[in-house]
Structures are given as structure tokens and as C-alpha cells.
C-alpha atoms as a PDB file:
ATOM      1  CA  MET A   1     -41.052 -45.746 -62.645  1.00  0.00           C
ATOM      2  CA  SER A   2     -44.631 -47.150 -63.082  1.00  0.00           C
ATOM      3  CA  ASP A   3     -44.224 -49.531 -65.497  1.00  0.00           C
ATOM      4  CA  PRO A   4     -47.296 -51.106 -66.506  1.00  0.00           C
ATOM      5  CA  ASP A   5     -45.387 -54.522 -65.805  1.00  0.00           C
ATOM      6  CA  LYS A   6     -44.838 -53.772 -62.914  1.00  0.00           C
ATOM      7  CA  VAL A   7     -48.160 -55.049 -62.534  1.00  0.00           C
ATOM      8  CA  PHE A   8     -47.774 -58.339 -63.445  1.00  0.00           C
ATOM      9  CA  ASP A   9     -44.206 -59.095 -61.327  1.00  0.00           C
ATOM     10  CA  LEU A  10     -46.269 -58.291 -58.070  1.00  0.00           C
ATOM     11  CA  SER A  11     -49.134 -60.837 -59.402  1.00  0.00           C
ATOM     12  CA  GLU A  12     -46.055 -63.267 -59.288  1.00  0.00           C
ATOM     13  CA  ARG A  13     -45.352 -62.085 -56.714  1.00  0.00           C
ATOM     14  CA  LEU A  14     -48.346 -62.452 -54.785  1.00  0.00           C
ATOM     15  CA  ARG A  15     -48.426 -66.010 -55.889  1.00  0.00           C
ATOM     16  CA  ALA A  16     -45.487 -67.524 -55.520  1.00  0.00           C
ATOM     17  CA  PRO A  17     -45.693 -68.293 -51.461  1.00  0.00           C
ATOM     18  CA  GLN A  18     -48.496 -69.765 -51.761  1.00  0.00           C
ATOM     19  CA  ILE A  19     -50.872 -67.557 -49.358  1.00  0.00           C
ATOM     20  CA  PHE A  20     -53.712 -68.152 -51.358  1.00  0.00           C
ATOM     21  CA  LEU A  21     -54.627 -70.693 -54.054  1.00  0.00           C
ATOM     22  CA  TRP A  22     -56.390 -69.725 -57.308  1.00  0.00           C
ATOM     23  CA  HIS A  23     -59.552 -71.650 -56.959  1.00  0.00           C
ATOM     24  CA  GLU A  24     -59.932 -69.547 -53.734  1.00  0.00           C
ATOM     25  CA  VAL A  25     -59.550 -66.468 -55.890  1.00  0.00           C
ATOM     26  CA  GLU A  26     -61.836 -67.266 -58.054  1.00  0.00           C
ATOM     27  CA  GLN A  27     -64.761 -68.834 -55.290  1.00  0.00           C
ATOM     28  CA  PHE A  28     -63.859 -65.263 -54.380  1.00  0.00           C
ATOM     29  CA  VAL A  29     -64.736 -63.504 -56.896  1.00  0.00           C
ATOM     30  CA  GLU A  30     -67.995 -65.057 -57.873  1.00  0.00           C
ATOM     31  CA  ALA A  31     -69.296 -65.236 -54.186  1.00  0.00           C
ATOM     32  CA  PHE A  32     -68.304 -61.149 -54.704  1.00  0.00           C
ATOM     33  CA  TYR A  33     -70.493 -61.065 -56.984  1.00  0.00           C
ATOM     34  CA  SER A  34     -73.223 -62.551 -56.363  1.00  0.00           C
ATOM     35  CA  LYS A  35     -76.848 -61.796 -54.881  1.00  0.00           C
ATOM     36  CA  ASN A  36     -77.178 -64.765 -52.387  1.00  0.00           C
ATOM     37  CA  LYS A  37     -73.752 -64.482 -50.766  1.00  0.00           C
ATOM     38  CA  SER A  38     -73.804 -62.549 -47.444  1.00  0.00           C
ATOM     39  CA  ASN A  39     -70.927 -59.995 -46.258  1.00  0.00           C
ATOM     40  CA  ALA A  40     -69.488 -62.866 -43.433  1.00  0.00           C
ATOM     41  CA  ALA A  41     -70.017 -65.336 -45.740  1.00  0.00           C
ATOM     42  CA  ILE A  42     -67.774 -63.674 -48.799  1.00  0.00           C
ATOM     43  CA  SER A  43     -64.774 -63.058 -46.106  1.00  0.00           C
ATOM     44  CA  ASN A  44     -64.712 -66.609 -45.240  1.00  0.00           C
ATOM     45  CA  ILE A  45     -63.689 -68.070 -48.641  1.00  0.00           C
ATOM     46  CA  CYS A  46     -60.199 -66.174 -47.498  1.00  0.00           C
ATOM     47  CA  LYS A  47     -60.236 -67.059 -44.202  1.00  0.00           C
ATOM     48  CA  PRO A  48     -57.829 -70.116 -45.713  1.00  0.00           C
ATOM     49  CA  ALA A  49     -55.085 -67.801 -46.841  1.00  0.00           C
ATOM     50  CA  VAL A  50     -55.417 -65.865 -43.373  1.00  0.00           C
ATOM     51  CA  GLU A  51     -54.535 -68.697 -41.101  1.00  0.00           C
ATOM     52  CA  ARG A  52     -52.292 -69.880 -43.575  1.00  0.00           C
ATOM     53  CA  TRP A  53     -50.149 -66.697 -43.059  1.00  0.00           C
ATOM     54  CA  GLN A  54     -50.576 -66.319 -40.113  1.00  0.00           C
ATOM     55  CA  LYS A  55     -49.095 -69.369 -39.001  1.00  0.00           C
ATOM     56  CA  LYS A  56     -45.581 -69.151 -41.382  1.00  0.00           C
ATOM     57  CA  TYR A  57     -46.047 -65.647 -39.958  1.00  0.00           C
ATOM     58  CA  LYS A  58     -46.456 -66.889 -35.362  1.00  0.00           C
ATOM     59  CA  LEU A  59     -43.717 -69.776 -36.565  1.00  0.00           C
ATOM     60  CA  ALA A  60     -41.335 -67.160 -37.812  1.00  0.00           C
ATOM     61  CA  ARG A  61     -41.637 -64.774 -35.484  1.00  0.00           C
ATOM     62  CA  GLU A  62     -41.169 -67.655 -32.824  1.00  0.00           C
ATOM     63  CA  GLN A  63     -38.056 -69.428 -34.413  1.00  0.00           C
ATOM     64  CA  ALA A  64     -36.559 -64.889 -34.161  1.00  0.00           C
ATOM     65  CA  GLN A  65     -36.935 -64.482 -31.004  1.00  0.00           C
ATOM     66  CA  HIS A  66     -35.525 -67.903 -29.700  1.00  0.00           C
ATOM     67  CA  ALA A  67     -32.509 -67.737 -32.550  1.00  0.00           C
ATOM     68  CA  LYS A  68     -32.503 -64.201 -30.977  1.00  0.00           C
ATOM     69  CA  VAL A  69     -31.842 -65.957 -27.588  1.00  0.00           C
ATOM     70  CA  MET A  70     -29.106 -68.575 -28.437  1.00  0.00           C
ATOM     71  CA  LEU A  71     -27.247 -66.076 -30.428  1.00  0.00           C
ATOM     72  CA  GLU A  72     -26.948 -63.918 -27.377  1.00  0.00           C
ATOM     73  CA  ARG A  73     -25.743 -66.776 -25.132  1.00  0.00           C
ATOM     74  CA  THR A  74     -23.542 -67.575 -28.209  1.00  0.00           C
ATOM     75  CA  LYS A  75     -21.954 -64.025 -27.754  1.00  0.00           C
ATOM     76  CA  ALA A  76     -21.211 -64.796 -24.663  1.00  0.00           C
ATOM     77  CA  THR A  77     -19.375 -67.386 -24.816  1.00  0.00           C
ATOM     78  CA  GLY A  78     -16.650 -65.736 -26.997  1.00  0.00           C
ATOM     79  CA  ASP A  79     -17.333 -68.549 -29.427  1.00  0.00           C
ATOM     80  CA  VAL A  80     -16.880 -66.766 -33.698  1.00  0.00           C
ATOM     81  CA  VAL A  81     -18.426 -70.154 -34.648  1.00  0.00           C
ATOM     82  CA  LEU A  82     -20.700 -71.124 -32.803  1.00  0.00           C
ATOM     83  CA  MET A  83     -22.195 -66.575 -32.899  1.00  0.00           C
ATOM     84  CA  THR A  84     -21.539 -66.370 -36.701  1.00  0.00           C
ATOM     85  CA  ASN A  85     -23.780 -69.825 -36.231  1.00  0.00           C
ATOM     86  CA  ALA A  86     -26.528 -68.317 -34.378  1.00  0.00           C
ATOM     87  CA  GLU A  87     -26.559 -65.185 -36.386  1.00  0.00           C
ATOM     88  CA  ASN A  88     -27.285 -66.479 -39.596  1.00  0.00           C
ATOM     89  CA  ASP A  89     -29.920 -68.313 -38.145  1.00  0.00           C
ATOM     90  CA  TYR A  90     -31.544 -65.237 -36.351  1.00  0.00           C
ATOM     91  CA  LYS A  91     -31.293 -63.680 -40.018  1.00  0.00           C
ATOM     92  CA  GLY A  92     -32.641 -66.054 -42.007  1.00  0.00           C
ATOM     93  CA  PHE A  93     -35.402 -66.345 -39.363  1.00  0.00           C
ATOM     94  CA  LYS A  94     -35.911 -62.559 -39.549  1.00  0.00           C
ATOM     95  CA  ALA A  95     -35.785 -62.509 -43.310  1.00  0.00           C
ATOM     96  CA  ASP A  96     -39.199 -64.798 -43.587  1.00  0.00           C
ATOM     97  CA  GLN A  97     -40.484 -62.972 -40.976  1.00  0.00           C
ATOM     98  CA  ASP A  98     -39.319 -59.804 -43.149  1.00  0.00           C
ATOM     99  CA  ALA A  99     -41.040 -61.268 -46.107  1.00  0.00           C
ATOM    100  CA  LEU A 100     -44.870 -62.040 -45.406  1.00  0.00           C
ATOM    101  CA  GLU A 101     -45.087 -58.505 -43.595  1.00  0.00           C
ATOM    102  CA  ILE A 102     -43.410 -57.346 -47.176  1.00  0.00           C
ATOM    103  CA  PHE A 103     -47.017 -59.691 -48.863  1.00  0.00           C
ATOM    104  CA  LYS A 104     -49.325 -58.250 -46.451  1.00  0.00           C
ATOM    105  CA  LYS A 105     -48.411 -54.682 -48.061  1.00  0.00           C
ATOM    106  CA  ASP A 106     -48.036 -56.426 -51.825  1.00  0.00           C
ATOM    107  CA  LEU A 107     -51.481 -56.660 -51.198  1.00  0.00           C
ATOM    108  CA  GLY A 108     -52.130 -53.189 -51.070  1.00  0.00           C
ATOM    109  CA  THR A 109     -49.313 -52.062 -53.443  1.00  0.00           C
ATOM    110  CA  PHE A 110     -50.733 -54.088 -56.121  1.00  0.00           C
ATOM    111  CA  THR A 111     -54.675 -53.032 -56.032  1.00  0.00           C
ATOM    112  CA  ARG A 112     -53.518 -50.057 -55.993  1.00  0.00           C
ATOM    113  CA  GLN A 113     -51.349 -50.114 -59.420  1.00  0.00           C
ATOM    114  CA  TYR A 114     -53.559 -52.178 -60.786  1.00  0.00           C
ATOM    115  CA  GLU A 115     -56.397 -50.358 -60.058  1.00  0.00           C
ATOM    116  CA  PHE A 116     -54.293 -46.858 -61.207  1.00  0.00           C
ATOM    117  CA  MET A 117     -52.312 -48.438 -64.357  1.00  0.00           C
ATOM    118  CA  SER A 118     -56.113 -50.183 -65.420  1.00  0.00           C
ATOM    119  CA  GLN A 119     -56.928 -46.419 -66.208  1.00  0.00           C
ATOM    120  CA  ILE A 120     -53.998 -45.703 -68.250  1.00  0.00           C
ATOM    121  CA  VAL A 121     -53.024 -49.211 -69.741  1.00  0.00           C
ATOM    122  CA  ASP A 122     -56.112 -51.966 -70.998  1.00  0.00           C
ATOM    123  CA  TYR A 123     -54.755 -54.424 -70.140  1.00  0.00           C
ATOM    124  CA  ASP A 124     -58.047 -56.757 -70.586  1.00  0.00           C
ATOM    125  CA  ASP A 125     -56.969 -59.620 -68.146  1.00  0.00           C
ATOM    126  CA  LYS A 126     -59.291 -60.985 -65.771  1.00  0.00           C
ATOM    127  CA  GLU A 127     -57.178 -62.879 -63.512  1.00  0.00           C
ATOM    128  CA  LEU A 128     -56.034 -59.714 -62.588  1.00  0.00           C
ATOM    129  CA  GLU A 129     -58.989 -57.782 -61.615  1.00  0.00           C
ATOM    130  CA  LYS A 130     -59.579 -60.597 -59.747  1.00  0.00           C
ATOM    131  CA  LEU A 131     -56.563 -60.657 -58.086  1.00  0.00           C
ATOM    132  CA  SER A 132     -57.041 -57.048 -57.599  1.00  0.00           C
ATOM    133  CA  LEU A 133     -60.773 -57.290 -56.276  1.00  0.00           C
ATOM    134  CA  TYR A 134     -59.593 -60.756 -53.709  1.00  0.00           C
ATOM    135  CA  ALA A 135     -56.070 -58.802 -52.733  1.00  0.00           C
ATOM    136  CA  ARG A 136     -58.421 -55.697 -51.701  1.00  0.00           C
ATOM    137  CA  ASN A 137     -60.589 -57.721 -49.135  1.00  0.00           C
ATOM    138  CA  LEU A 138     -57.342 -60.484 -47.819  1.00  0.00           C
ATOM    139  CA  GLN A 139     -55.466 -57.172 -46.993  1.00  0.00           C
ATOM    140  CA  PRO A 140     -56.860 -56.158 -44.137  1.00  0.00           C
ATOM    141  CA  LEU A 141     -57.338 -59.552 -42.780  1.00  0.00           C
ATOM    142  CA  LEU A 142     -54.144 -59.999 -41.943  1.00  0.00           C
ATOM    143  CA  ARG A 143     -53.268 -58.988 -38.347  1.00  0.00           C
ATOM    144  CA  GLU A 144     -50.863 -61.383 -36.351  1.00  0.00           C
ATOM    145  CA  SER A 145     -51.729 -62.252 -33.370  1.00  0.00           C
ATOM    146  CA  VAL A 146     -49.779 -60.327 -30.703  1.00  0.00           C
ATOM    147  CA  ASP A 147     -48.271 -63.282 -27.516  1.00  0.00           C
ATOM    148  CA  ASN A 148     -46.548 -60.953 -26.228  1.00  0.00           C
ATOM    149  CA  GLU A 149     -48.441 -57.468 -24.644  1.00  0.00           C
ATOM    150  CA  ASP A 150     -45.118 -55.051 -25.769  1.00  0.00           C
ATOM    151  CA  GLU A 151     -45.467 -55.480 -29.396  1.00  0.00           C
ATOM    152  CA  VAL A 152     -48.864 -54.626 -29.899  1.00  0.00           C
ATOM    153  CA  ASP A 153     -50.128 -53.531 -33.865  1.00  0.00           C
ATOM    154  CA  LEU A 154     -51.659 -51.272 -34.510  1.00  0.00           C
ATOM    155  CA  SER A 155     -51.429 -50.544 -38.658  1.00  0.00           C
ATOM    156  CA  ASN A 156     -54.991 -51.920 -38.508  1.00  0.00           C
ATOM    157  CA  ILE A 157     -56.172 -49.141 -36.401  1.00  0.00           C
ATOM    158  CA  VAL A 158     -57.884 -46.633 -37.954  1.00  0.00           C
ATOM    159  CA  MET A 159     -58.324 -42.802 -36.275  1.00  0.00           C
ATOM    160  CA  SER A 160     -61.327 -41.171 -36.205  1.00  0.00           C
ATOM    161  CA  HIS A 161     -60.108 -37.445 -35.740  1.00  0.00           C
ATOM    162  CA  TYR A 162     -56.862 -35.769 -34.096  1.00  0.00           C
ATOM    163  CA  ARG A 163     -56.232 -32.573 -31.978  1.00  0.00           C
ATOM    164  CA  VAL A 164     -54.326 -29.790 -33.669  1.00  0.00           C
ATOM    165  CA  SER A 165     -52.912 -27.237 -30.341  1.00  0.00           C
ATOM    166  CA  LYS A 166     -51.281 -23.952 -31.756  1.00  0.00           C
ATOM    167  CA  LEU A 167     -48.279 -24.062 -30.087  1.00  0.00           C
ATOM    168  CA  HIS A 168     -47.214 -20.002 -31.080  1.00  0.00           C
ATOM    169  CA  GLN A 169     -48.704 -17.645 -32.632  1.00  0.00           C
ATOM    170  CA  GLN A 170     -47.290 -14.282 -33.622  1.00  0.00           C
ATOM    171  CA  ASP A 171     -48.652 -11.558 -36.007  1.00  0.00           C
ATOM    172  CA  LEU A 172     -46.897 -10.428 -38.493  1.00  0.00           C
ATOM    173  CA  LYS A 173     -47.885  -6.646 -39.195  1.00  0.00           C
ATOM    174  CA  LEU A 174     -47.651  -4.932 -42.861  1.00  0.00           C
ATOM    175  CA  GLN A 175     -46.860  -1.571 -43.641  1.00  0.00           C
ATOM    176  CA  GLU A 176     -49.659   0.437 -46.283  1.00  0.00           C
ATOM    177  CA  GLY A 177     -47.225   3.554 -46.526  1.00  0.00           C
ATOM    178  CA  LYS A 178     -45.681   1.346 -49.170  1.00  0.00           C
ATOM    179  CA  SER A 179     -46.334   0.556 -53.236  1.00  0.00           C
ATOM    180  CA  GLU A 180     -46.539  -2.832 -52.346  1.00  0.00           C
ATOM    181  CA  TYR A 181     -47.707  -4.522 -48.692  1.00  0.00           C
ATOM    182  CA  GLN A 182     -44.064  -5.332 -46.524  1.00  0.00           C
ATOM    183  CA  LEU A 183     -42.857  -7.093 -43.853  1.00  0.00           C
ATOM    184  CA  ASP A 184     -40.581  -4.396 -41.592  1.00  0.00           C
ATOM    185  CA  GLY A 185     -37.062  -5.367 -41.218  1.00  0.00           C
ATOM    186  CA  GLY A 186     -35.209  -5.844 -38.476  1.00  0.00           C
ATOM    187  CA  SER A 187     -33.179  -3.192 -37.588  1.00  0.00           C
ATOM    188  CA  GLY A 188     -29.986  -4.901 -36.545  1.00  0.00           C
ATOM    189  CA  ALA A 189     -27.455  -5.191 -39.083  1.00  0.00           C
ATOM    190  CA  GLY A 190     -26.746  -8.379 -40.988  1.00  0.00           C
ATOM    191  CA  THR A 191     -30.504  -9.866 -39.894  1.00  0.00           C
ATOM    192  CA  ALA A 192     -31.660 -10.206 -42.999  1.00  0.00           C
ATOM    193  CA  THR A 193     -29.427 -12.162 -44.391  1.00  0.00           C
ATOM    194  CA  PRO A 194     -31.002 -16.077 -43.456  1.00  0.00           C
ATOM    195  CA  LYS A 195     -34.583 -14.563 -44.349  1.00  0.00           C
ATOM    196  CA  ASP A 196     -33.069 -13.294 -47.845  1.00  0.00           C
ATOM    197  CA  LYS A 197     -31.104 -17.126 -48.040  1.00  0.00           C
ATOM    198  CA  GLN A 198     -33.969 -18.739 -47.024  1.00  0.00           C
ATOM    199  CA  GLU A 199     -35.879 -16.617 -49.541  1.00  0.00           C
ATOM    200  CA  ALA A 200     -33.661 -17.392 -52.590  1.00  0.00           C
ATOM    201  CA  LEU A 201     -33.962 -21.117 -50.944  1.00  0.00           C
ATOM    202  CA  LEU A 202     -37.431 -20.940 -51.869  1.00  0.00           C
ATOM    203  CA  SER A 203     -37.246 -19.758 -55.096  1.00  0.00           C
ATOM    204  CA  GLN A 204     -35.542 -21.906 -56.799  1.00  0.00           C
ATOM    205  CA  ILE A 205     -37.941 -24.382 -55.238  1.00  0.00           C
ATOM    206  CA  ILE A 206     -40.764 -23.197 -56.825  1.00  0.00           C
ATOM    207  CA  ASP A 207     -38.640 -22.777 -60.329  1.00  0.00           C
ATOM    208  CA  ARG A 208     -37.672 -26.525 -60.677  1.00  0.00           C
ATOM    209  CA  LEU A 209     -41.355 -27.348 -59.736  1.00  0.00           C
ATOM    210  CA  ASN A 210     -42.689 -24.806 -61.708  1.00  0.00           C
ATOM    211  CA  GLU A 211     -40.100 -26.910 -64.599  1.00  0.00           C
ATOM    212  CA  VAL A 212     -41.508 -30.505 -63.241  1.00  0.00           C
ATOM    213  CA  PHE A 213     -45.147 -29.051 -63.527  1.00  0.00           C
ATOM    214  CA  ALA A 214     -44.537 -27.224 -66.732  1.00  0.00           C
ATOM    215  CA  ASP A 215     -47.946 -26.677 -68.529  1.00  0.00           C
ATOM    216  CA  GLU A 216     -49.477 -27.667 -65.360  1.00  0.00           C
ATOM    217  CA  ASP A 217     -52.270 -25.443 -63.647  1.00  0.00           C
ATOM    218  CA  PHE A 218     -51.584 -25.977 -60.181  1.00  0.00           C
ATOM    219  CA  THR A 219     -50.383 -23.686 -57.393  1.00  0.00           C
ATOM    220  CA  ASP A 220     -47.251 -22.906 -56.272  1.00  0.00           C
ATOM    221  CA  LYS A 221     -48.664 -23.743 -52.691  1.00  0.00           C
ATOM    222  CA  ASP A 222     -50.268 -27.071 -54.322  1.00  0.00           C
ATOM    223  CA  LYS A 223     -46.930 -28.160 -55.502  1.00  0.00           C
ATOM    224  CA  VAL A 224     -45.345 -27.532 -52.719  1.00  0.00           C
ATOM    225  CA  ASN A 225     -47.931 -29.455 -50.174  1.00  0.00           C
ATOM    226  CA  PHE A 226     -47.713 -32.023 -52.468  1.00  0.00           C
ATOM    227  CA  MET A 227     -44.018 -32.579 -51.873  1.00  0.00           C
ATOM    228  CA  ASN A 228     -44.054 -32.363 -48.500  1.00  0.00           C
ATOM    229  CA  THR A 229     -47.067 -34.654 -48.668  1.00  0.00           C
ATOM    230  CA  ILE A 230     -45.467 -37.136 -50.824  1.00  0.00           C
ATOM    231  CA  TRP A 231     -42.097 -36.712 -48.455  1.00  0.00           C
ATOM    232  CA  ASP A 232     -43.809 -37.476 -45.278  1.00  0.00           C
ATOM    233  CA  LYS A 233     -45.318 -40.790 -46.433  1.00  0.00           C
ATOM    234  CA  VAL A 234     -41.421 -41.229 -47.920  1.00  0.00           C
ATOM    235  CA  THR A 235     -40.120 -40.885 -44.183  1.00  0.00           C
ATOM    236  CA  GLU A 236     -42.611 -43.770 -42.446  1.00  0.00           C
ATOM    237  CA  ASN A 237     -40.199 -45.956 -44.555  1.00  0.00           C
ATOM    238  CA  GLU A 238     -37.611 -46.927 -42.057  1.00  0.00           C
ATOM    239  CA  ILE A 239     -34.903 -48.666 -45.034  1.00  0.00           C
ATOM    240  CA  VAL A 240     -35.035 -46.136 -47.229  1.00  0.00           C
ATOM    241  CA  VAL A 241     -34.686 -43.127 -44.041  1.00  0.00           C
ATOM    242  CA  LYS A 242     -31.442 -45.442 -43.394  1.00  0.00           C
ATOM    243  CA  GLN A 243     -30.775 -45.247 -47.251  1.00  0.00           C
ATOM    244  CA  PHE A 244     -30.414 -41.284 -46.731  1.00  0.00           C
ATOM    245  CA  THR A 245     -28.064 -41.336 -43.754  1.00  0.00           C
ATOM    246  CA  ASN A 246     -25.771 -43.901 -45.316  1.00  0.00           C
ATOM    247  CA  ASN A 247     -25.466 -42.850 -48.757  1.00  0.00           C
ATOM    248  CA  SER A 248     -25.011 -40.225 -51.826  1.00  0.00           C
ATOM    249  CA  VAL A 249     -27.805 -39.017 -52.915  1.00  0.00           C
ATOM    250  CA  ASP A 250     -27.171 -40.108 -56.419  1.00  0.00           C
ATOM    251  CA  GLN A 251     -26.687 -43.701 -55.022  1.00  0.00           C
ATOM    252  CA  ILE A 252     -30.248 -43.007 -52.699  1.00  0.00           C
ATOM    253  CA  MET A 253     -31.773 -42.690 -55.966  1.00  0.00           C
ATOM    254  CA  LEU A 254     -30.558 -45.980 -56.477  1.00  0.00           C
ATOM    255  CA  GLY A 255     -32.091 -47.417 -54.026  1.00  0.00           C
ATOM    256  CA  GLY A 256     -35.212 -48.050 -52.812  1.00  0.00           C
ATOM    257  CA  TYR A 257     -36.335 -44.542 -52.341  1.00  0.00           C
ATOM    258  CA  PRO A 258     -38.322 -44.407 -55.827  1.00  0.00           C
ATOM    259  CA  ASN A 259     -40.442 -46.954 -55.268  1.00  0.00           C
ATOM    260  CA  ALA A 260     -41.025 -45.215 -52.414  1.00  0.00           C
ATOM    261  CA  ALA A 261     -42.177 -42.322 -53.852  1.00  0.00           C
ATOM    262  CA  GLU A 262     -44.431 -43.845 -55.872  1.00  0.00           C
ATOM    263  CA  ASP A 263     -46.345 -46.082 -53.207  1.00  0.00           C
ATOM    264  CA  ALA A 264     -46.225 -42.452 -51.273  1.00  0.00           C
ATOM    265  CA  MET A 265     -48.056 -41.334 -54.226  1.00  0.00           C
ATOM    266  CA  PHE A 266     -50.504 -44.432 -54.552  1.00  0.00           C
ATOM    267  CA  ASP A 267     -51.569 -43.640 -51.581  1.00  0.00           C
ATOM    268  CA  ALA A 268     -51.612 -40.228 -51.548  1.00  0.00           C
ATOM    269  CA  LYS A 269     -53.756 -40.191 -55.211  1.00  0.00           C
ATOM    270  CA  GLY A 270     -56.819 -39.048 -53.978  1.00  0.00           C
ATOM    271  CA  THR A 271     -55.961 -35.671 -52.441  1.00  0.00           C
ATOM    272  CA  PHE A 272     -53.339 -34.768 -54.946  1.00  0.00           C
ATOM    273  CA  GLU A 273     -54.969 -37.290 -57.952  1.00  0.00           C
ATOM    274  CA  ASP A 274     -54.014 -35.023 -60.914  1.00  0.00           C
ATOM    275  CA  MET A 275     -50.518 -34.203 -59.630  1.00  0.00           C
ATOM    276  CA  THR A 276     -49.425 -37.414 -59.991  1.00  0.00           C
ATOM    277  CA  MET A 277     -51.147 -38.428 -63.254  1.00  0.00           C
ATOM    278  CA  HIS A 278     -49.584 -36.142 -64.272  1.00  0.00           C
ATOM    279  CA  LEU A 279     -45.498 -37.461 -62.907  1.00  0.00           C
ATOM    280  CA  LEU A 280     -46.518 -41.383 -63.383  1.00  0.00           C
ATOM    281  CA  SER A 281     -47.064 -40.352 -67.124  1.00  0.00           C
ATOM    282  CA  ASN A 282     -44.174 -38.534 -67.694  1.00  0.00           C
ATOM    283  CA  PRO A 283     -41.040 -40.431 -66.012  1.00  0.00           C
ATOM    284  CA  ASN A 284     -38.196 -37.762 -66.629  1.00  0.00           C
ATOM    285  CA  ARG A 285     -40.874 -35.625 -65.039  1.00  0.00           C
ATOM    286  CA  PHE A 286     -41.042 -37.764 -61.756  1.00  0.00           C
ATOM    287  CA  LYS A 287     -37.072 -38.527 -61.886  1.00  0.00           C
ATOM    288  CA  GLN A 288     -37.294 -34.863 -61.745  1.00  0.00           C
ATOM    289  CA  PHE A 289     -39.249 -34.534 -59.182  1.00  0.00           C
ATOM    290  CA  ILE A 290     -38.348 -36.939 -56.404  1.00  0.00           C
ATOM    291  CA  ARG A 291     -34.564 -36.036 -57.492  1.00  0.00           C
ATOM    292  CA  LEU A 292     -35.727 -32.091 -56.184  1.00  0.00           C
ATOM    293  CA  MET A 293     -37.678 -33.176 -53.048  1.00  0.00           C
ATOM    294  CA  LEU A 294     -34.846 -35.334 -51.745  1.00  0.00           C
ATOM    295  CA  ASP A 295     -32.239 -32.102 -52.694  1.00  0.00           C
ATOM    296  CA  THR A 296     -34.560 -30.187 -51.298  1.00  0.00           C
ATOM    297  CA  LYS A 297     -35.736 -32.003 -48.100  1.00  0.00           C
ATOM    298  CA  LEU A 298     -32.038 -33.448 -47.442  1.00  0.00           C
ATOM    299  CA  GLY A 299     -29.537 -29.980 -48.247  1.00  0.00           C
ATOM    300  CA  ALA A 300     -32.280 -28.616 -45.105  1.00  0.00           C
ATOM    301  CA  GLU A 301     -32.156 -30.648 -43.346  1.00  0.00           C
ATOM    302  CA  ALA A 302     -28.214 -30.471 -43.489  1.00  0.00           C
ATOM    303  CA  THR A 303     -28.683 -26.904 -42.861  1.00  0.00           C
ATOM    304  CA  MET A 304     -29.843 -26.854 -39.587  1.00  0.00           C
END
């Protein structure tokens, strides 16, 4: 859940690997608010941190790739000791590479959480404010240099437009000769059963969403769309998706899912800011909501 102290935890986590030095943060903030500094000059202050990150990332990736080759070679020998050592080497170098990618992600997470939580909590901490400004500008500059044509980083590409193609259209004609407009029912025996089950499931979902967003003036459609948006963002996290397939719902709630859902809410807060504020300021409602989302989505997938 959104604990105000989590901002401090993220701040310490960002400082630990010494990708940036604090005097660089101070220098950046001073330049940022100076009228005499150009954008290029301000960005150059981030250059030492960018170079440190890229150097570490390149080394970790090269070591991981080399260790992977050695692992494949040791498998051919059948020597258990050699294979174990090679596998440990590969996992270690891959963990170093993953840590640098997580650092990049944490820059964005810290900025979003500080900007959001500072609206609720008076941190009265100039260092957090300075780090937030620096992190927001450093994060998009961290791009790993690509040596292999097959490894193309698309994380910094912004989609300017997209095309929606209509795959199917069906007219649903309503009858006007009844007290209420209704859809024509199927003539075959038992054909209404799937529809009834779907309607019952939707009704249950709406009821639970109404509990989550009690006393809030949101339409049912807004609530469902919000849940679907957050779920789509959560499923972009490959680690969490793997947890869905290997664990029970109760175990998933104790894993990375809550943090992934919270990150997704920060990503979507521009569109659903009121809903996000409601949930992040009510821990019990937040837990109700993400449990409902998990039950709904995994339950629906299991029945397909």
C-alpha cells in the first residue's frame, strides 16, 4: 500500500549504487532554476551519471552473455560441478544487469510517488524534492547502447498515433413492444444459460466495485474501465505474470502483485486521478480492489 515512508526507502535505494553523486544533484537543481543555463547545459550535468550507468550496464551484459556461452559449453561436458559454477556465474551477472534496469525503473517510480504523496503528506524535505527533479530528468537519458542488431531497446519510443481496425460488427436489435427495451432471446433450448452466467458474473463484479468505491460518484462503466486499465498495466510486468501461473490467489496477494498494481495506478493517475486518490488514501479499499481485480481476471481466464 502507499506508505509515505516508501518514498524514503526508494530514495535510499537510488543512492546506494552511486550511479549519481549528491553534489551532481545539487548542481543540477541549481542549474535548473537558473535563468542563464541552457537545456543542453542542464542535461550535461546528468552526463556523468549516464556514463556510469551505461558503463556498468554494458559490462554486466557482456559478462552475462559470456557466462551464458560458458554455461552452454559446460552442459556438453556433463560435469555437474562445472555446470553449477557456470550457472551461478550467469545468474550473478544477469542479476547485476537486472539491478541496473530496476534502478532505471525506480527513478520513475520514485518521481511519481513523491509527486503524488507530497500532495497528501508534508515531507518538508528539500533533498526529496531535489532528487525528484533530478530523477525525472535522468531517467529518460538512461539508454543502453545496442551492440547487437537483434537487441533493440524500444522503451524510449513514444507512440504518436495508432490505428483501430474494426474486426467485427453485429447489430443488436431491440424490441419496442414491451414495457422495457429488451434483446431478442435465442430460440434454442438452453441457449440463455451462458448469457445468464455472464450477467450474473458482471452483476457480482459491479456489486464488489460498488463496495470498493462506496460513497464515490463514479459510473459503473468508469469503475470497470479503471479496473481493466490497471490490470492491463499490471500484466506488462512479466515477473508478476509468472507468479499468476505458479501460485494461489492468496499467495499472489503476498508477492509482487500489490506493488505492480500500485505502480500501475500511478501510471494511470492522469486518467483516473480521482479513483486513484480514493484507493491510495484508503488501504482497506485498495486491498479490496486489487483482490477483486485478481479474482475477476484470473477467474475469467480459468473459465475460458
